[in-house]
Amino acid sequence: MVGKRIMVGEFGRPHGVRGLLRLRAFTADPAAITAYGPLSDEAGARHFRLTLKGPDLVAVEGINDRDAAQRLTGTKLFVAREALPPTDEEEFYLTDLIGLAAVTEAGGALGVVRAV
């Protein structure tokens, strides 16, 4: 689906006084989150450029103090689906399951996947 955005992470609490933030990445390789280009918030209104500073620590361009970092805590981070690497055969992203029919082994309908 063109234009679909995928949640790839979430800002955690600030670290230190210079604006660094903990990052909860939902990607297979947490360091890869910085390679997808600018990330946006859920509304698509704010965009963020990240620099990895540690295994779960990032600097956000334009965020230079703890107060500014604190305001970002809990912000969910999204990227355009097209920015993610293609999947291998028999591989998929969890978000690709949304909208699929769930059935029993015998083929009986259970419902539709709404969230993962």
C-alpha atoms as a PDB file:
ATOM      1  CA  MET A   1       0.000   0.000   0.000  1.00  0.00           C
ATOM      2  CA  VAL A   2       1.570   3.278  -1.113  1.00  0.00           C
ATOM      3  CA  GLY A   3       1.820   5.889   1.618  1.00  0.00           C
ATOM      4  CA  LYS A   4       1.450   3.431   4.487  1.00  0.00           C
ATOM      5  CA  ARG A   5       3.502   4.334   7.559  1.00  0.00           C
ATOM      6  CA  ILE A   6       4.919   1.772   9.942  1.00  0.00           C
ATOM      7  CA  MET A   7       5.707   2.314  13.628  1.00  0.00           C
ATOM      8  CA  VAL A   8       9.387   1.450  14.114  1.00  0.00           C
ATOM      9  CA  GLY A   9      10.069   2.754  17.611  1.00  0.00           C
ATOM     10  CA  GLU A  10       9.216   4.986  20.529  1.00  0.00           C
ATOM     11  CA  PHE A  11      11.146   7.581  22.505  1.00  0.00           C
ATOM     12  CA  GLY A  12      11.748   6.645  26.120  1.00  0.00           C
ATOM     13  CA  ARG A  13      12.915   8.805  28.992  1.00  0.00           C
ATOM     14  CA  PRO A  14      15.699  11.407  28.711  1.00  0.00           C
ATOM     15  CA  HIS A  15      19.277  10.427  29.503  1.00  0.00           C
ATOM     16  CA  GLY A  16      21.479  13.114  31.009  1.00  0.00           C
ATOM     17  CA  VAL A  17      21.102  16.862  30.586  1.00  0.00           C
ATOM     18  CA  ARG A  18      22.112  17.313  26.924  1.00  0.00           C
ATOM     19  CA  GLY A  19      18.928  16.081  25.264  1.00  0.00           C
ATOM     20  CA  LEU A  20      19.726  12.414  24.690  1.00  0.00           C
ATOM     21  CA  LEU A  21      16.805   9.985  24.777  1.00  0.00           C
ATOM     22  CA  ARG A  22      16.345   6.287  25.354  1.00  0.00           C
ATOM     23  CA  LEU A  23      14.937   4.598  22.261  1.00  0.00           C
ATOM     24  CA  ARG A  24      12.751   1.530  22.122  1.00  0.00           C
ATOM     25  CA  ALA A  25      13.277   0.221  18.587  1.00  0.00           C
ATOM     26  CA  PHE A  26      10.856  -2.287  17.070  1.00  0.00           C
ATOM     27  CA  THR A  27      13.214  -3.224  14.222  1.00  0.00           C
ATOM     28  CA  ALA A  28      15.165  -6.488  13.885  1.00  0.00           C
ATOM     29  CA  ASP A  29      18.379  -4.470  14.116  1.00  0.00           C
ATOM     30  CA  PRO A  30      17.806  -1.545  16.504  1.00  0.00           C
ATOM     31  CA  ALA A  31      20.708   0.397  14.962  1.00  0.00           C
ATOM     32  CA  ALA A  32      18.999   0.286  11.547  1.00  0.00           C
ATOM     33  CA  ILE A  33      16.327   2.734  12.686  1.00  0.00           C
ATOM     34  CA  THR A  34      18.712   5.624  11.932  1.00  0.00           C
ATOM     35  CA  ALA A  35      19.149   4.430   8.325  1.00  0.00           C
ATOM     36  CA  TYR A  36      15.496   4.784   7.310  1.00  0.00           C
ATOM     37  CA  GLY A  37      15.722   8.549   6.913  1.00  0.00           C
ATOM     38  CA  PRO A  38      13.672  11.061   8.863  1.00  0.00           C
ATOM     39  CA  LEU A  39      11.116   9.524  11.169  1.00  0.00           C
ATOM     40  CA  SER A  40       7.801  11.173  11.978  1.00  0.00           C
ATOM     41  CA  ASP A  41       5.346  11.202  14.846  1.00  0.00           C
ATOM     42  CA  GLU A  42       1.965   9.471  14.589  1.00  0.00           C
ATOM     43  CA  ALA A  43       0.259  12.516  13.061  1.00  0.00           C
ATOM     44  CA  GLY A  44       3.089  13.041  10.573  1.00  0.00           C
ATOM     45  CA  ALA A  45       3.432  16.612  11.855  1.00  0.00           C
ATOM     46  CA  ARG A  46       6.905  16.392  13.401  1.00  0.00           C
ATOM     47  CA  HIS A  47       9.979  14.851  11.799  1.00  0.00           C
ATOM     48  CA  PHE A  48      13.062  13.582  13.596  1.00  0.00           C
ATOM     49  CA  ARG A  49      16.626  12.847  12.516  1.00  0.00           C
ATOM     50  CA  LEU A  50      18.368  10.495  14.913  1.00  0.00           C
ATOM     51  CA  THR A  51      22.017   9.764  15.633  1.00  0.00           C
ATOM     52  CA  LEU A  52      22.739   6.558  17.517  1.00  0.00           C
ATOM     53  CA  LYS A  53      24.774   7.217  20.671  1.00  0.00           C
ATOM     54  CA  GLY A  54      24.546   3.774  22.277  1.00  0.00           C
ATOM     55  CA  PRO A  55      22.606   0.499  22.028  1.00  0.00           C
ATOM     56  CA  ASP A  56      19.340   2.193  23.073  1.00  0.00           C
ATOM     57  CA  LEU A  57      20.361   5.841  23.168  1.00  0.00           C
ATOM     58  CA  VAL A  58      19.872   8.529  20.496  1.00  0.00           C
ATOM     59  CA  ALA A  59      20.505  12.188  19.888  1.00  0.00           C
ATOM     60  CA  VAL A  60      17.645  13.953  18.106  1.00  0.00           C
ATOM     61  CA  GLU A  61      18.570  16.809  15.792  1.00  0.00           C
ATOM     62  CA  GLY A  62      17.501  20.097  17.397  1.00  0.00           C
ATOM     63  CA  ILE A  63      16.990  18.631  20.888  1.00  0.00           C
ATOM     64  CA  ASN A  64      19.753  19.973  23.131  1.00  0.00           C
ATOM     65  CA  ASP A  65      18.479  19.842  26.706  1.00  0.00           C
ATOM     66  CA  ARG A  66      16.667  17.531  29.080  1.00  0.00           C
ATOM     67  CA  ASP A  67      13.428  19.558  29.100  1.00  0.00           C
ATOM     68  CA  ALA A  68      13.074  19.349  25.318  1.00  0.00           C
ATOM     69  CA  ALA A  69      13.877  15.629  25.432  1.00  0.00           C
ATOM     70  CA  GLN A  70      11.302  15.082  28.186  1.00  0.00           C
ATOM     71  CA  ARG A  71       8.568  16.515  25.947  1.00  0.00           C
ATOM     72  CA  LEU A  72       9.310  13.778  23.383  1.00  0.00           C
ATOM     73  CA  THR A  73       9.024  10.897  25.865  1.00  0.00           C
ATOM     74  CA  GLY A  74       6.395   8.434  24.667  1.00  0.00           C
ATOM     75  CA  THR A  75       6.364   9.762  21.094  1.00  0.00           C
ATOM     76  CA  LYS A  76       5.841   6.891  18.664  1.00  0.00           C
ATOM     77  CA  LEU A  77       8.113   6.940  15.610  1.00  0.00           C
ATOM     78  CA  PHE A  78       6.926   6.105  12.097  1.00  0.00           C
ATOM     79  CA  VAL A  79       8.574   5.592   8.717  1.00  0.00           C
ATOM     80  CA  ALA A  80       7.149   5.159   5.223  1.00  0.00           C
ATOM     81  CA  ARG A  81       6.672   1.459   4.383  1.00  0.00           C
ATOM     82  CA  GLU A  82       8.751   1.999   1.251  1.00  0.00           C
ATOM     83  CA  ALA A  83      11.791   2.967   3.379  1.00  0.00           C
ATOM     84  CA  LEU A  84      11.993  -0.498   4.939  1.00  0.00           C
ATOM     85  CA  PRO A  85      14.128  -3.166   3.261  1.00  0.00           C
ATOM     86  CA  PRO A  86      12.270  -5.725   1.151  1.00  0.00           C
ATOM     87  CA  THR A  87      11.448  -9.033   2.807  1.00  0.00           C
ATOM     88  CA  ASP A  88      12.780 -12.395   1.693  1.00  0.00           C
ATOM     89  CA  GLU A  89      10.499 -15.124   0.405  1.00  0.00           C
ATOM     90  CA  GLU A  90       8.457 -16.618   3.272  1.00  0.00           C
ATOM     91  CA  GLU A  91       9.292 -13.530   5.384  1.00  0.00           C
ATOM     92  CA  PHE A  92       6.980 -10.665   6.334  1.00  0.00           C
ATOM     93  CA  TYR A  93       6.643  -7.658   8.598  1.00  0.00           C
ATOM     94  CA  LEU A  94       4.224  -8.060  11.503  1.00  0.00           C
ATOM     95  CA  THR A  95       2.242  -5.095  10.220  1.00  0.00           C
ATOM     96  CA  ASP A  96       1.554  -7.082   7.030  1.00  0.00           C
ATOM     97  CA  LEU A  97      -0.673  -9.411   9.086  1.00  0.00           C
ATOM     98  CA  ILE A  98      -3.212  -6.673   9.806  1.00  0.00           C
ATOM     99  CA  GLY A  99      -6.337  -7.211   7.727  1.00  0.00           C
ATOM    100  CA  LEU A 100      -5.681 -10.904   7.034  1.00  0.00           C
ATOM    101  CA  ALA A 101      -8.281 -13.540   7.834  1.00  0.00           C
ATOM    102  CA  ALA A 102      -7.536 -15.772  10.821  1.00  0.00           C
ATOM    103  CA  VAL A 103      -8.697 -19.358  10.326  1.00  0.00           C
ATOM    104  CA  THR A 104      -8.438 -22.681  12.127  1.00  0.00           C
ATOM    105  CA  GLU A 105      -6.348 -25.512  10.693  1.00  0.00           C
ATOM    106  CA  ALA A 106      -9.591 -26.930   9.322  1.00  0.00           C
ATOM    107  CA  GLY A 107     -10.333 -23.640   7.544  1.00  0.00           C
ATOM    108  CA  GLY A 108     -12.994 -22.343   9.918  1.00  0.00           C
ATOM    109  CA  ALA A 109     -13.183 -18.566  10.186  1.00  0.00           C
ATOM    110  CA  LEU A 110     -11.953 -17.010  13.435  1.00  0.00           C
ATOM    111  CA  GLY A 111     -11.965 -13.360  12.423  1.00  0.00           C
ATOM    112  CA  VAL A 112      -9.672 -10.703  11.018  1.00  0.00           C
ATOM    113  CA  VAL A 113      -6.328  -9.574  12.436  1.00  0.00           C
ATOM    114  CA  ARG A 114      -6.835  -6.009  13.682  1.00  0.00           C
ATOM    115  CA  ALA A 115      -3.570  -5.414  15.552  1.00  0.00           C
ATOM    116  CA  VAL A 116      -0.294  -7.104  16.453  1.00  0.00           C
END
